[in-house]
Amino acid sequence: ALKELAEIPSRAIYLGDTVDDMTASTSAGVIGLGVIPTYAADK
């Protein structure tokens, strides 16, 4: 996605609701923004 958008990783934000999402964002060098789903048992 960063390549297609010609985006600088430090300016990108990746939203996700799982630990895998945050691990992927960190590995890609982008800001990880976690989102707690409404159905999460222990927010």
PDB file of all heavy atoms in Angstrom:
ATOM      1  N   ALA A   1       0.837  -1.206   0.000  1.00  0.00           N
ATOM      2  CA  ALA A   1       0.000   0.000   0.000  1.00  0.00           C
ATOM      3  C   ALA A   1       0.868   1.252   0.000  1.00  0.00           C
ATOM      4  O   ALA A   1       0.591   2.210  -0.734  1.00  0.00           O
ATOM      5  CB  ALA A   1      -0.941  -0.005   1.201  1.00  0.00           C
ATOM      6  N   LEU A   2       1.918   1.253   0.805  1.00  0.00           N
ATOM      7  CA  LEU A   2       2.822   2.409   0.850  1.00  0.00           C
ATOM      8  C   LEU A   2       3.445   2.665  -0.518  1.00  0.00           C
ATOM      9  O   LEU A   2       3.553   3.812  -0.958  1.00  0.00           O
ATOM     10  CB  LEU A   2       3.920   2.186   1.886  1.00  0.00           C
ATOM     11  CG  LEU A   2       3.478   2.188   3.351  1.00  0.00           C
ATOM     12  CD1 LEU A   2       4.621   1.716   4.245  1.00  0.00           C
ATOM     13  CD2 LEU A   2       2.979   3.553   3.771  1.00  0.00           C
ATOM     14  N   LYS A   3       3.853   1.607  -1.200  1.00  0.00           N
ATOM     15  CA  LYS A   3       4.453   1.754  -2.535  1.00  0.00           C
ATOM     16  C   LYS A   3       3.442   2.301  -3.531  1.00  0.00           C
ATOM     17  O   LYS A   3       3.747   3.198  -4.319  1.00  0.00           O
ATOM     18  CB  LYS A   3       5.005   0.415  -3.018  1.00  0.00           C
ATOM     19  CG  LYS A   3       6.286   0.021  -2.346  1.00  0.00           C
ATOM     20  CD  LYS A   3       6.806  -1.303  -2.869  1.00  0.00           C
ATOM     21  CE  LYS A   3       8.075  -1.695  -2.134  1.00  0.00           C
ATOM     22  NZ  LYS A   3       8.569  -3.006  -2.546  1.00  0.00           N
ATOM     23  N   GLU A   4       2.225   1.743  -3.529  1.00  0.00           N
ATOM     24  CA  GLU A   4       1.205   2.211  -4.476  1.00  0.00           C
ATOM     25  C   GLU A   4       0.842   3.664  -4.236  1.00  0.00           C
ATOM     26  O   GLU A   4       0.549   4.397  -5.173  1.00  0.00           O
ATOM     27  CB  GLU A   4      -0.053   1.337  -4.377  1.00  0.00           C
ATOM     28  CG  GLU A   4       0.057   0.067  -5.158  1.00  0.00           C
ATOM     29  CD  GLU A   4      -1.289  -0.594  -5.390  1.00  0.00           C
ATOM     30  OE1 GLU A   4      -2.328   0.098  -5.452  1.00  0.00           O
ATOM     31  OE2 GLU A   4      -1.297  -1.823  -5.516  1.00  0.00           O
ATOM     32  N   LEU A   5       0.835   4.057  -2.984  1.00  0.00           N
ATOM     33  CA  LEU A   5       0.454   5.429  -2.641  1.00  0.00           C
ATOM     34  C   LEU A   5       1.639   6.385  -2.640  1.00  0.00           C
ATOM     35  O   LEU A   5       1.465   7.580  -2.441  1.00  0.00           O
ATOM     36  CB  LEU A   5      -0.214   5.452  -1.258  1.00  0.00           C
ATOM     37  CG  LEU A   5      -1.530   4.697  -1.156  1.00  0.00           C
ATOM     38  CD1 LEU A   5      -1.927   4.523   0.300  1.00  0.00           C
ATOM     39  CD2 LEU A   5      -2.620   5.419  -1.936  1.00  0.00           C
ATOM     40  N   ALA A   6       2.849   5.848  -2.844  1.00  0.00           N
ATOM     41  CA  ALA A   6       4.084   6.641  -2.755  1.00  0.00           C
ATOM     42  C   ALA A   6       4.099   7.401  -1.435  1.00  0.00           C
ATOM     43  O   ALA A   6       4.428   8.584  -1.376  1.00  0.00           O
ATOM     44  CB  ALA A   6       4.213   7.586  -3.946  1.00  0.00           C
ATOM     45  N   GLU A   7       3.729   6.700  -0.379  1.00  0.00           N
ATOM     46  CA  GLU A   7       3.621   7.307   0.946  1.00  0.00           C
ATOM     47  C   GLU A   7       4.893   7.073   1.743  1.00  0.00           C
ATOM     48  O   GLU A   7       5.510   6.017   1.653  1.00  0.00           O
ATOM     49  CB  GLU A   7       2.427   6.708   1.697  1.00  0.00           C
ATOM     50  CG  GLU A   7       2.114   7.360   3.026  1.00  0.00           C
ATOM     51  CD  GLU A   7       1.784   8.835   2.890  1.00  0.00           C
ATOM     52  OE1 GLU A   7       0.835   9.173   2.178  1.00  0.00           O
ATOM     53  OE2 GLU A   7       2.494   9.646   3.505  1.00  0.00           O
ATOM     54  N   ILE A   8       5.250   8.054   2.530  1.00  0.00           N
ATOM     55  CA  ILE A   8       6.382   7.934   3.438  1.00  0.00           C
ATOM     56  C   ILE A   8       5.889   7.205   4.686  1.00  0.00           C
ATOM     57  O   ILE A   8       4.917   7.642   5.311  1.00  0.00           O
ATOM     58  CB  ILE A   8       6.921   9.332   3.809  1.00  0.00           C
ATOM     59  CG1 ILE A   8       7.367  10.079   2.549  1.00  0.00           C
ATOM     60  CG2 ILE A   8       8.048   9.224   4.828  1.00  0.00           C
ATOM     61  CD1 ILE A   8       7.599  11.548   2.748  1.00  0.00           C
ATOM     62  N   PRO A   9       6.533   6.089   5.051  1.00  0.00           N
ATOM     63  CA  PRO A   9       6.039   5.305   6.187  1.00  0.00           C
ATOM     64  C   PRO A   9       5.792   6.092   7.462  1.00  0.00           C
ATOM     65  O   PRO A   9       4.807   5.856   8.154  1.00  0.00           O
ATOM     66  CB  PRO A   9       7.132   4.250   6.393  1.00  0.00           C
ATOM     67  CG  PRO A   9       7.741   4.089   5.048  1.00  0.00           C
ATOM     68  CD  PRO A   9       7.687   5.457   4.425  1.00  0.00           C
ATOM     69  N   SER A  10       6.634   7.057   7.764  1.00  0.00           N
ATOM     70  CA  SER A  10       6.462   7.813   9.009  1.00  0.00           C
ATOM     71  C   SER A  10       5.212   8.687   9.005  1.00  0.00           C
ATOM     72  O   SER A  10       4.782   9.164  10.042  1.00  0.00           O
ATOM     73  CB  SER A  10       7.692   8.671   9.288  1.00  0.00           C
ATOM     74  OG  SER A  10       7.848   9.636   8.270  1.00  0.00           O
ATOM     75  N   ARG A  11       4.614   8.902   7.828  1.00  0.00           N
ATOM     76  CA  ARG A  11       3.379   9.692   7.735  1.00  0.00           C
ATOM     77  C   ARG A  11       2.130   8.815   7.680  1.00  0.00           C
ATOM     78  O   ARG A  11       1.022   9.307   7.762  1.00  0.00           O
ATOM     79  CB  ARG A  11       3.412  10.572   6.487  1.00  0.00           C
ATOM     80  CG  ARG A  11       4.435  11.664   6.544  1.00  0.00           C
ATOM     81  CD  ARG A  11       4.457  12.486   5.269  1.00  0.00           C
ATOM     82  NE  ARG A  11       3.208  12.516   4.553  1.00  0.00           N
ATOM     83  CZ  ARG A  11       2.403  13.586   4.460  1.00  0.00           C
ATOM     84  NH1 ARG A  11       2.747  14.700   5.030  1.00  0.00           N
ATOM     85  NH2 ARG A  11       1.292  13.532   3.769  1.00  0.00           N
ATOM     86  N   ALA A  12       2.328   7.520   7.517  1.00  0.00           N
ATOM     87  CA  ALA A  12       1.196   6.608   7.355  1.00  0.00           C
ATOM     88  C   ALA A  12       0.665   6.146   8.712  1.00  0.00           C
ATOM     89  O   ALA A  12       1.408   6.041   9.681  1.00  0.00           O
ATOM     90  CB  ALA A  12       1.620   5.399   6.525  1.00  0.00           C
ATOM     91  N   ILE A  13      -0.622   5.864   8.741  1.00  0.00           N
ATOM     92  CA  ILE A  13      -1.281   5.338   9.938  1.00  0.00           C
ATOM     93  C   ILE A  13      -2.027   4.076   9.536  1.00  0.00           C
ATOM     94  O   ILE A  13      -2.744   4.055   8.537  1.00  0.00           O
ATOM     95  CB  ILE A  13      -2.275   6.361  10.524  1.00  0.00           C
ATOM     96  CG1 ILE A  13      -1.539   7.628  10.947  1.00  0.00           C
ATOM     97  CG2 ILE A  13      -3.027   5.754  11.707  1.00  0.00           C
ATOM     98  CD1 ILE A  13      -2.453   8.760  11.366  1.00  0.00           C
ATOM     99  N   TYR A  14      -1.837   3.030  10.330  1.00  0.00           N
ATOM    100  CA  TYR A  14      -2.513   1.755  10.075  1.00  0.00           C
ATOM    101  C   TYR A  14      -3.464   1.474  11.224  1.00  0.00           C
ATOM    102  O   TYR A  14      -3.049   1.428  12.380  1.00  0.00           O
ATOM    103  CB  TYR A  14      -1.484   0.634   9.934  1.00  0.00           C
ATOM    104  CG  TYR A  14      -2.109  -0.688   9.558  1.00  0.00           C
ATOM    105  CD1 TYR A  14      -2.467  -0.950   8.242  1.00  0.00           C
ATOM    106  CD2 TYR A  14      -2.357  -1.663  10.518  1.00  0.00           C
ATOM    107  CE1 TYR A  14      -3.057  -2.154   7.887  1.00  0.00           C
ATOM    108  CE2 TYR A  14      -2.941  -2.869  10.166  1.00  0.00           C
ATOM    109  CZ  TYR A  14      -3.285  -3.107   8.857  1.00  0.00           C
ATOM    110  OH  TYR A  14      -3.873  -4.300   8.501  1.00  0.00           O
ATOM    111  N   LEU A  15      -4.737   1.326  10.905  1.00  0.00           N
ATOM    112  CA  LEU A  15      -5.741   1.017  11.915  1.00  0.00           C
ATOM    113  C   LEU A  15      -5.943  -0.481  11.997  1.00  0.00           C
ATOM    114  O   LEU A  15      -6.000  -1.153  10.961  1.00  0.00           O
ATOM    115  CB  LEU A  15      -7.098   1.651  11.553  1.00  0.00           C
ATOM    116  CG  LEU A  15      -7.289   3.107  11.903  1.00  0.00           C
ATOM    117  CD1 LEU A  15      -6.452   3.989  11.028  1.00  0.00           C
ATOM    118  CD2 LEU A  15      -8.739   3.467  11.816  1.00  0.00           C
ATOM    119  N   GLY A  16      -6.062  -0.984  13.206  1.00  0.00           N
ATOM    120  CA  GLY A  16      -6.306  -2.401  13.370  1.00  0.00           C
ATOM    121  C   GLY A  16      -6.845  -2.720  14.748  1.00  0.00           C
ATOM    122  O   GLY A  16      -6.697  -1.932  15.681  1.00  0.00           O
ATOM    123  N   ASP A  17      -7.454  -3.893  14.858  1.00  0.00           N
ATOM    124  CA  ASP A  17      -8.040  -4.289  16.139  1.00  0.00           C
ATOM    125  C   ASP A  17      -7.432  -5.570  16.704  1.00  0.00           C
ATOM    126  O   ASP A  17      -7.988  -6.159  17.621  1.00  0.00           O
ATOM    127  CB  ASP A  17      -9.561  -4.418  16.018  1.00  0.00           C
ATOM    128  CG  ASP A  17      -9.999  -5.492  15.026  1.00  0.00           C
ATOM    129  OD1 ASP A  17      -9.139  -6.102  14.367  1.00  0.00           O
ATOM    130  OD2 ASP A  17     -11.222  -5.707  14.914  1.00  0.00           O
ATOM    131  N   THR A  18      -6.289  -5.985  16.154  1.00  0.00           N
ATOM    132  CA  THR A  18      -5.646  -7.199  16.646  1.00  0.00           C
ATOM    133  C   THR A  18      -4.163  -6.945  16.913  1.00  0.00           C
ATOM    134  O   THR A  18      -3.582  -5.999  16.379  1.00  0.00           O
ATOM    135  CB  THR A  18      -5.752  -8.362  15.626  1.00  0.00           C
ATOM    136  OG1 THR A  18      -4.939  -8.050  14.483  1.00  0.00           O
ATOM    137  CG2 THR A  18      -7.196  -8.616  15.206  1.00  0.00           C
ATOM    138  N   VAL A  19      -3.573  -7.830  17.711  1.00  0.00           N
ATOM    139  CA  VAL A  19      -2.139  -7.715  17.972  1.00  0.00           C
ATOM    140  C   VAL A  19      -1.348  -7.925  16.680  1.00  0.00           C
ATOM    141  O   VAL A  19      -0.300  -7.299  16.490  1.00  0.00           O
ATOM    142  CB  VAL A  19      -1.679  -8.676  19.093  1.00  0.00           C
ATOM    143  CG1 VAL A  19      -2.311  -8.291  20.414  1.00  0.00           C
ATOM    144  CG2 VAL A  19      -1.983 -10.111  18.762  1.00  0.00           C
ATOM    145  N   ASP A  20      -1.837  -8.781  15.786  1.00  0.00           N
ATOM    146  CA  ASP A  20      -1.170  -8.974  14.489  1.00  0.00           C
ATOM    147  C   ASP A  20      -1.151  -7.679  13.678  1.00  0.00           C
ATOM    148  O   ASP A  20      -0.180  -7.387  12.973  1.00  0.00           O
ATOM    149  CB  ASP A  20      -1.830 -10.090  13.685  1.00  0.00           C
ATOM    150  CG  ASP A  20      -1.467 -11.478  14.184  1.00  0.00           C
ATOM    151  OD1 ASP A  20      -0.556 -11.597  15.034  1.00  0.00           O
ATOM    152  OD2 ASP A  20      -2.094 -12.453  13.723  1.00  0.00           O
ATOM    153  N   ASP A  21      -2.229  -6.905  13.755  1.00  0.00           N
ATOM    154  CA  ASP A  21      -2.272  -5.618  13.052  1.00  0.00           C
ATOM    155  C   ASP A  21      -1.188  -4.684  13.570  1.00  0.00           C
ATOM    156  O   ASP A  21      -0.494  -4.020  12.787  1.00  0.00           O
ATOM    157  CB  ASP A  21      -3.636  -4.946  13.229  1.00  0.00           C
ATOM    158  CG  ASP A  21      -4.766  -5.653  12.513  1.00  0.00           C
ATOM    159  OD1 ASP A  21      -4.506  -6.282  11.465  1.00  0.00           O
ATOM    160  OD2 ASP A  21      -5.911  -5.566  12.989  1.00  0.00           O
ATOM    161  N   MET A  22      -1.030  -4.624  14.896  1.00  0.00           N
ATOM    162  CA  MET A  22      -0.044  -3.720  15.477  1.00  0.00           C
ATOM    163  C   MET A  22       1.377  -4.215  15.201  1.00  0.00           C
ATOM    164  O   MET A  22       2.278  -3.418  14.937  1.00  0.00           O
ATOM    165  CB  MET A  22      -0.275  -3.551  16.981  1.00  0.00           C
ATOM    166  CG  MET A  22      -1.599  -2.856  17.322  1.00  0.00           C
ATOM    167  SD  MET A  22      -1.834  -1.241  16.545  1.00  0.00           S
ATOM    168  CE  MET A  22      -2.944  -1.629  15.184  1.00  0.00           C
ATOM    169  N   THR A  23       1.576  -5.524  15.229  1.00  0.00           N
ATOM    170  CA  THR A  23       2.891  -6.082  14.901  1.00  0.00           C
ATOM    171  C   THR A  23       3.251  -5.755  13.449  1.00  0.00           C
ATOM    172  O   THR A  23       4.383  -5.357  13.151  1.00  0.00           O
ATOM    173  CB  THR A  23       2.901  -7.606  15.128  1.00  0.00           C
ATOM    174  OG1 THR A  23       2.600  -7.868  16.500  1.00  0.00           O
ATOM    175  CG2 THR A  23       4.237  -8.219  14.780  1.00  0.00           C
ATOM    176  N   ALA A  24       2.294  -5.895  12.548  1.00  0.00           N
ATOM    177  CA  ALA A  24       2.532  -5.597  11.127  1.00  0.00           C
ATOM    178  C   ALA A  24       2.843  -4.116  10.923  1.00  0.00           C
ATOM    179  O   ALA A  24       3.758  -3.768  10.167  1.00  0.00           O
ATOM    180  CB  ALA A  24       1.329  -6.012  10.288  1.00  0.00           C
ATOM    181  N   SER A  25       2.106  -3.247  11.597  1.00  0.00           N
ATOM    182  CA  SER A  25       2.345  -1.808  11.426  1.00  0.00           C
ATOM    183  C   SER A  25       3.735  -1.435  11.926  1.00  0.00           C
ATOM    184  O   SER A  25       4.457  -0.684  11.278  1.00  0.00           O
ATOM    185  CB  SER A  25       1.270  -0.976  12.125  1.00  0.00           C
ATOM    186  OG  SER A  25       1.333  -1.115  13.523  1.00  0.00           O
ATOM    187  N   THR A  26       4.132  -1.992  13.068  1.00  0.00           N
ATOM    188  CA  THR A  26       5.460  -1.719  13.610  1.00  0.00           C
ATOM    189  C   THR A  26       6.540  -2.220  12.651  1.00  0.00           C
ATOM    190  O   THR A  26       7.512  -1.511  12.358  1.00  0.00           O
ATOM    191  CB  THR A  26       5.623  -2.380  14.994  1.00  0.00           C
ATOM    192  OG1 THR A  26       4.620  -1.848  15.871  1.00  0.00           O
ATOM    193  CG2 THR A  26       6.987  -2.126  15.583  1.00  0.00           C
ATOM    194  N   SER A  27       6.364  -3.420  12.123  1.00  0.00           N
ATOM    195  CA  SER A  27       7.344  -3.989  11.191  1.00  0.00           C
ATOM    196  C   SER A  27       7.453  -3.178   9.902  1.00  0.00           C
ATOM    197  O   SER A  27       8.515  -3.114   9.294  1.00  0.00           O
ATOM    198  CB  SER A  27       6.971  -5.432  10.848  1.00  0.00           C
ATOM    199  OG  SER A  27       7.048  -6.246  11.988  1.00  0.00           O
ATOM    200  N   ALA A  28       6.341  -2.561   9.489  1.00  0.00           N
ATOM    201  CA  ALA A  28       6.342  -1.753   8.265  1.00  0.00           C
ATOM    202  C   ALA A  28       6.823  -0.326   8.514  1.00  0.00           C
ATOM    203  O   ALA A  28       7.001   0.440   7.580  1.00  0.00           O
ATOM    204  CB  ALA A  28       4.942  -1.729   7.652  1.00  0.00           C
ATOM    205  N   GLY A  29       7.013   0.038   9.780  1.00  0.00           N
ATOM    206  CA  GLY A  29       7.490   1.375  10.106  1.00  0.00           C
ATOM    207  C   GLY A  29       6.427   2.443  10.068  1.00  0.00           C
ATOM    208  O   GLY A  29       6.733   3.627   9.891  1.00  0.00           O
ATOM    209  N   VAL A  30       5.160   2.041  10.210  1.00  0.00           N
ATOM    210  CA  VAL A  30       4.070   3.019  10.209  1.00  0.00           C
ATOM    211  C   VAL A  30       3.456   3.114  11.610  1.00  0.00           C
ATOM    212  O   VAL A  30       3.647   2.236  12.452  1.00  0.00           O
ATOM    213  CB  VAL A  30       2.976   2.674   9.170  1.00  0.00           C
ATOM    214  CG1 VAL A  30       3.562   2.559   7.780  1.00  0.00           C
ATOM    215  CG2 VAL A  30       2.229   1.414   9.536  1.00  0.00           C
ATOM    216  N   ILE A  31       2.717   4.171  11.828  1.00  0.00           N
ATOM    217  CA  ILE A  31       2.051   4.377  13.108  1.00  0.00           C
ATOM    218  C   ILE A  31       0.888   3.403  13.217  1.00  0.00           C
ATOM    219  O   ILE A  31       0.037   3.343  12.333  1.00  0.00           O
ATOM    220  CB  ILE A  31       1.542   5.827  13.221  1.00  0.00           C
ATOM    221  CG1 ILE A  31       2.726   6.792  13.219  1.00  0.00           C
ATOM    222  CG2 ILE A  31       0.682   6.009  14.472  1.00  0.00           C
ATOM    223  CD1 ILE A  31       2.342   8.244  13.035  1.00  0.00           C
ATOM    224  N   GLY A  32       0.866   2.658  14.301  1.00  0.00           N
ATOM    225  CA  GLY A  32      -0.244   1.745  14.561  1.00  0.00           C
ATOM    226  C   GLY A  32      -1.289   2.421  15.430  1.00  0.00           C
ATOM    227  O   GLY A  32      -0.968   2.962  16.488  1.00  0.00           O
ATOM    228  N   LEU A  33      -2.519   2.431  14.967  1.00  0.00           N
ATOM    229  CA  LEU A  33      -3.624   2.981  15.735  1.00  0.00           C
ATOM    230  C   LEU A  33      -4.583   1.832  16.023  1.00  0.00           C
ATOM    231  O   LEU A  33      -5.241   1.327  15.123  1.00  0.00           O
ATOM    232  CB  LEU A  33      -4.328   4.095  14.951  1.00  0.00           C
ATOM    233  CG  LEU A  33      -5.250   5.011  15.746  1.00  0.00           C
ATOM    234  CD1 LEU A  33      -5.406   6.337  15.038  1.00  0.00           C
ATOM    235  CD2 LEU A  33      -6.585   4.400  16.025  1.00  0.00           C
ATOM    236  N   GLY A  34      -4.616   1.401  17.271  1.00  0.00           N
ATOM    237  CA  GLY A  34      -5.481   0.298  17.657  1.00  0.00           C
ATOM    238  C   GLY A  34      -6.912   0.758  17.837  1.00  0.00           C
ATOM    239  O   GLY A  34      -7.162   1.880  18.288  1.00  0.00           O
ATOM    240  N   VAL A  35      -7.830  -0.107  17.491  1.00  0.00           N
ATOM    241  CA  VAL A  35      -9.253   0.179  17.647  1.00  0.00           C
ATOM    242  C   VAL A  35      -9.878  -0.984  18.417  1.00  0.00           C
ATOM    243  O   VAL A  35      -9.738  -2.138  18.020  1.00  0.00           O
ATOM    244  CB  VAL A  35      -9.957   0.332  16.276  1.00  0.00           C
ATOM    245  CG1 VAL A  35     -11.430   0.615  16.463  1.00  0.00           C
ATOM    246  CG2 VAL A  35      -9.286   1.427  15.453  1.00  0.00           C
ATOM    247  N   ILE A  36     -10.544  -0.667  19.510  1.00  0.00           N
ATOM    248  CA  ILE A  36     -11.200  -1.695  20.316  1.00  0.00           C
ATOM    249  C   ILE A  36     -12.584  -1.945  19.726  1.00  0.00           C
ATOM    250  O   ILE A  36     -13.413  -1.030  19.675  1.00  0.00           O
ATOM    251  CB  ILE A  36     -11.354  -1.239  21.790  1.00  0.00           C
ATOM    252  CG1 ILE A  36     -10.013  -0.805  22.376  1.00  0.00           C
ATOM    253  CG2 ILE A  36     -12.023  -2.330  22.616  1.00  0.00           C
ATOM    254  CD1 ILE A  36      -9.019  -1.892  22.575  1.00  0.00           C
ATOM    255  N   PRO A  37     -12.861  -3.168  19.271  1.00  0.00           N
ATOM    256  CA  PRO A  37     -14.195  -3.452  18.730  1.00  0.00           C
ATOM    257  C   PRO A  37     -15.256  -3.378  19.831  1.00  0.00           C
ATOM    258  O   PRO A  37     -14.969  -3.682  20.993  1.00  0.00           O
ATOM    259  CB  PRO A  37     -14.092  -4.890  18.203  1.00  0.00           C
ATOM    260  CG  PRO A  37     -12.653  -5.260  18.263  1.00  0.00           C
ATOM    261  CD  PRO A  37     -11.974  -4.316  19.191  1.00  0.00           C
ATOM    262  N   THR A  38     -16.448  -2.982  19.456  1.00  0.00           N
ATOM    263  CA  THR A  38     -17.536  -2.876  20.440  1.00  0.00           C
ATOM    264  C   THR A  38     -17.827  -4.212  21.102  1.00  0.00           C
ATOM    265  O   THR A  38     -18.265  -4.254  22.238  1.00  0.00           O
ATOM    266  CB  THR A  38     -18.822  -2.349  19.781  1.00  0.00           C
ATOM    267  OG1 THR A  38     -19.153  -3.202  18.682  1.00  0.00           O
ATOM    268  CG2 THR A  38     -18.643  -0.929  19.278  1.00  0.00           C
ATOM    269  N   TYR A  39     -17.579  -5.307  20.408  1.00  0.00           N
ATOM    270  CA  TYR A  39     -17.894  -6.636  20.935  1.00  0.00           C
ATOM    271  C   TYR A  39     -16.785  -7.226  21.808  1.00  0.00           C
ATOM    272  O   TYR A  39     -16.919  -8.318  22.341  1.00  0.00           O
ATOM    273  CB  TYR A  39     -18.185  -7.609  19.782  1.00  0.00           C
ATOM    274  CG  TYR A  39     -17.068  -7.706  18.776  1.00  0.00           C
ATOM    275  CD1 TYR A  39     -15.945  -8.495  19.020  1.00  0.00           C
ATOM    276  CD2 TYR A  39     -17.120  -6.985  17.585  1.00  0.00           C
ATOM    277  CE1 TYR A  39     -14.911  -8.565  18.099  1.00  0.00           C
ATOM    278  CE2 TYR A  39     -16.084  -7.054  16.663  1.00  0.00           C
ATOM    279  CZ  TYR A  39     -14.990  -7.852  16.929  1.00  0.00           C
ATOM    280  OH  TYR A  39     -13.967  -7.924  16.023  1.00  0.00           O
ATOM    281  N   ALA A  40     -15.675  -6.510  21.990  1.00  0.00           N
ATOM    282  CA  ALA A  40     -14.560  -7.043  22.787  1.00  0.00           C
ATOM    283  C   ALA A  40     -15.010  -7.288  24.220  1.00  0.00           C
ATOM    284  O   ALA A  40     -15.600  -6.411  24.858  1.00  0.00           O
ATOM    285  CB  ALA A  40     -13.381  -6.079  22.752  1.00  0.00           C
ATOM    286  N   ALA A  41     -14.724  -8.476  24.729  1.00  0.00           N
ATOM    287  CA  ALA A  41     -15.150  -8.853  26.076  1.00  0.00           C
ATOM    288  C   ALA A  41     -14.395  -8.065  27.145  1.00  0.00           C
ATOM    289  O   ALA A  41     -15.002  -7.565  28.090  1.00  0.00           O
ATOM    290  CB  ALA A  41     -14.955 -10.351  26.285  1.00  0.00           C
ATOM    291  N   ASP A  42     -13.081  -7.967  27.014  1.00  0.00           N
ATOM    292  CA  ASP A  42     -12.259  -7.265  28.001  1.00  0.00           C
ATOM    293  C   ASP A  42     -11.506  -6.151  27.289  1.00  0.00           C
ATOM    294  O   ASP A  42     -10.383  -6.333  26.819  1.00  0.00           O
ATOM    295  CB  ASP A  42     -11.299  -8.253  28.673  1.00  0.00           C
ATOM    296  CG  ASP A  42     -10.566  -7.650  29.859  1.00  0.00           C
ATOM    297  OD1 ASP A  42     -10.466  -6.400  29.943  1.00  0.00           O
ATOM    298  OD2 ASP A  42     -10.083  -8.436  30.703  1.00  0.00           O
ATOM    299  N   LYS A  43     -12.146  -4.989  27.206  1.00  0.00           N
ATOM    300  CA  LYS A  43     -11.593  -3.864  26.456  1.00  0.00           C
ATOM    301  C   LYS A  43     -10.253  -3.387  27.025  1.00  0.00           C
ATOM    302  O   LYS A  43      -9.334  -3.072  26.274  1.00  0.00           O
ATOM    303  CB  LYS A  43     -12.601  -2.721  26.409  1.00  0.00           C
ATOM    304  CG  LYS A  43     -13.828  -3.049  25.566  1.00  0.00           C
ATOM    305  CD  LYS A  43     -14.847  -1.926  25.615  1.00  0.00           C
ATOM    306  CE  LYS A  43     -16.065  -2.123  24.773  1.00  0.00           C
ATOM    307  NZ  LYS A  43     -16.483  -3.416  24.389  1.00  0.00           N
TER     308      LYS A  43
END
